C-alpha atoms as a PDB file:
ATOM      1  CA  MET A   1       0.000   0.000   0.000  1.00  0.00           C
ATOM      2  CA  HIS A   2       2.809   2.392   0.912  1.00  0.00           C
ATOM      3  CA  THR A   3       4.524   1.667  -2.390  1.00  0.00           C
ATOM      4  CA  GLU A   4       1.323   2.467  -4.293  1.00  0.00           C
ATOM      5  CA  ASN A   5       1.019   5.835  -2.523  1.00  0.00           C
ATOM      6  CA  THR A   6       4.640   6.648  -3.291  1.00  0.00           C
ATOM      7  CA  GLN A   7       4.193   5.706  -6.942  1.00  0.00           C
ATOM      8  CA  THR A   8       1.000   7.758  -7.174  1.00  0.00           C
ATOM      9  CA  LYS A   9       2.724  10.810  -5.686  1.00  0.00           C
ATOM     10  CA  GLU A  10       5.683  10.406  -8.026  1.00  0.00           C
ATOM     11  CA  THR A  11       3.358  10.017 -11.009  1.00  0.00           C
ATOM     12  CA  ASP A  12       1.432  13.141  -9.980  1.00  0.00           C
ATOM     13  CA  LEU A  13       4.670  15.086  -9.561  1.00  0.00           C
ATOM     14  CA  LYS A  14       5.942  13.902 -12.942  1.00  0.00           C
ATOM     15  CA  GLU A  15       2.689  14.933 -14.625  1.00  0.00           C
ATOM     16  CA  THR A  16       2.925  18.357 -12.982  1.00  0.00           C
ATOM     17  CA  LEU A  17       6.543  18.748 -14.105  1.00  0.00           C
ATOM     18  CA  LEU A  18       5.643  17.702 -17.647  1.00  0.00           C
ATOM     19  CA  ALA A  19       2.822  20.248 -17.798  1.00  0.00           C
ATOM     20  CA  ASP A  20       5.055  22.998 -16.370  1.00  0.00           C
ATOM     21  CA  ILE A  21       7.879  22.234 -18.799  1.00  0.00           C
ATOM     22  CA  GLU A  22       5.488  22.174 -21.736  1.00  0.00           C
ATOM     23  CA  LYS A  23       4.199  25.634 -20.765  1.00  0.00           C
ATOM     24  CA  LEU A  24       7.720  26.977 -20.252  1.00  0.00           C
ATOM     25  CA  ILE A  25       8.918  25.637 -23.602  1.00  0.00           C
ATOM     26  CA  ALA A  26       5.975  27.224 -25.375  1.00  0.00           C
ATOM     27  CA  TYR A  27       6.304  30.512 -23.461  1.00  0.00           C
ATOM     28  CA  GLY A  28       6.719  33.370 -25.903  1.00  0.00           C
ATOM     29  CA  ARG A  29       6.540  31.083 -28.928  1.00  0.00           C
ATOM     30  CA  GLU A  30       3.735  30.089 -31.174  1.00  0.00           C
ATOM     31  CA  GLU A  31       4.777  26.437 -31.194  1.00  0.00           C
ATOM     32  CA  PRO A  32       6.840  24.422 -28.696  1.00  0.00           C
ATOM     33  CA  THR A  33      10.411  23.595 -29.733  1.00  0.00           C
ATOM     34  CA  ILE A  34      10.141  19.969 -28.603  1.00  0.00           C
ATOM     35  CA  ASN A  35       7.344  17.483 -28.799  1.00  0.00           C
ATOM     36  CA  PRO A  36       5.992  17.378 -25.222  1.00  0.00           C
ATOM     37  CA  ALA A  37       5.239  13.661 -25.603  1.00  0.00           C
ATOM     38  CA  LEU A  38       8.997  13.007 -25.676  1.00  0.00           C
ATOM     39  CA  LEU A  39       9.409  14.555 -22.228  1.00  0.00           C
ATOM     40  CA  ALA A  40       7.473  11.675 -20.663  1.00  0.00           C
ATOM     41  CA  TYR A  41      10.495   9.430 -21.270  1.00  0.00           C
ATOM     42  CA  LEU A  42      12.779  11.542 -19.061  1.00  0.00           C
ATOM     43  CA  ASP A  43      13.355  10.546 -15.448  1.00  0.00           C
ATOM     44  CA  MET A  44      12.482  12.838 -12.537  1.00  0.00           C
ATOM     45  CA  ASP A  45      16.000  14.276 -12.153  1.00  0.00           C
ATOM     46  CA  ASP A  46      16.125  15.180 -15.841  1.00  0.00           C
ATOM     47  CA  LEU A  47      12.680  16.775 -15.682  1.00  0.00           C
ATOM     48  CA  ILE A  48      13.596  18.865 -12.652  1.00  0.00           C
ATOM     49  CA  SER A  49      16.848  19.932 -14.307  1.00  0.00           C
ATOM     50  CA  THR A  50      15.037  20.806 -17.546  1.00  0.00           C
ATOM     51  CA  LYS A  51      12.483  22.894 -15.689  1.00  0.00           C
ATOM     52  CA  ARG A  52      15.207  24.705 -13.735  1.00  0.00           C
ATOM     53  CA  THR A  53      17.133  25.466 -16.938  1.00  0.00           C
ATOM     54  CA  LEU A  54      14.026  26.800 -18.668  1.00  0.00           C
ATOM     55  CA  LEU A  55      13.262  29.064 -15.717  1.00  0.00           C
ATOM     56  CA  GLU A  56      16.833  30.421 -15.826  1.00  0.00           C
ATOM     57  CA  ARG A  57      16.645  31.133 -19.573  1.00  0.00           C
ATOM     58  CA  VAL A  58      13.590  33.316 -19.335  1.00  0.00           C
ATOM     59  CA  GLY A  59      15.745  36.398 -18.722  1.00  0.00           C
ATOM     60  CA  GLU A  60      14.258  39.889 -18.454  1.00  0.00           C
ATOM     61  CA  LEU A  61      10.541  39.814 -17.830  1.00  0.00           C
ATOM     62  CA  SER A  62       7.704  42.187 -17.276  1.00  0.00           C
ATOM     63  CA  GLU A  63       6.025  42.076 -13.861  1.00  0.00           C
ATOM     64  CA  GLU A  64       3.083  40.221 -15.402  1.00  0.00           C
ATOM     65  CA  ASP A  65       5.431  37.564 -16.763  1.00  0.00           C
ATOM     66  CA  LYS A  66       7.172  37.219 -13.400  1.00  0.00           C
ATOM     67  CA  VAL A  67       3.863  36.590 -11.663  1.00  0.00           C
ATOM     68  CA  TRP A  68       2.997  33.959 -14.272  1.00  0.00           C
ATOM     69  CA  LEU A  69       6.341  32.194 -13.821  1.00  0.00           C
ATOM     70  CA  GLU A  70       6.182  32.204 -10.008  1.00  0.00           C
ATOM     71  CA  GLN A  71       3.540  29.482 -10.160  1.00  0.00           C
ATOM     72  CA  PHE A  72       6.182  27.058 -11.409  1.00  0.00           C
ATOM     73  CA  LYS A  73       8.720  27.708  -8.652  1.00  0.00           C
ATOM     74  CA  LYS A  74       6.506  26.331  -5.887  1.00  0.00           C
ATOM     75  CA  TYR A  75       7.185  22.746  -6.987  1.00  0.00           C
ATOM     76  CA  GLU A  76      10.971  22.878  -6.710  1.00  0.00           C
END
């Protein structure tokens, strides 16, 4: 039972990371630069690293953009 709960939490976290990364990749672009379906094959460490890198690349932002991006930092 404990293992099932752990797997469910990890699956939920992975789905959240995938959704966040997909949004970050598409941010400011009309189309994403990578097929989001491919991200599902990455492990958790790679997903976290990818998300962190995308957040760092955003650069100079308007206040509205900063507020939008803050929602993604709460999962780190």
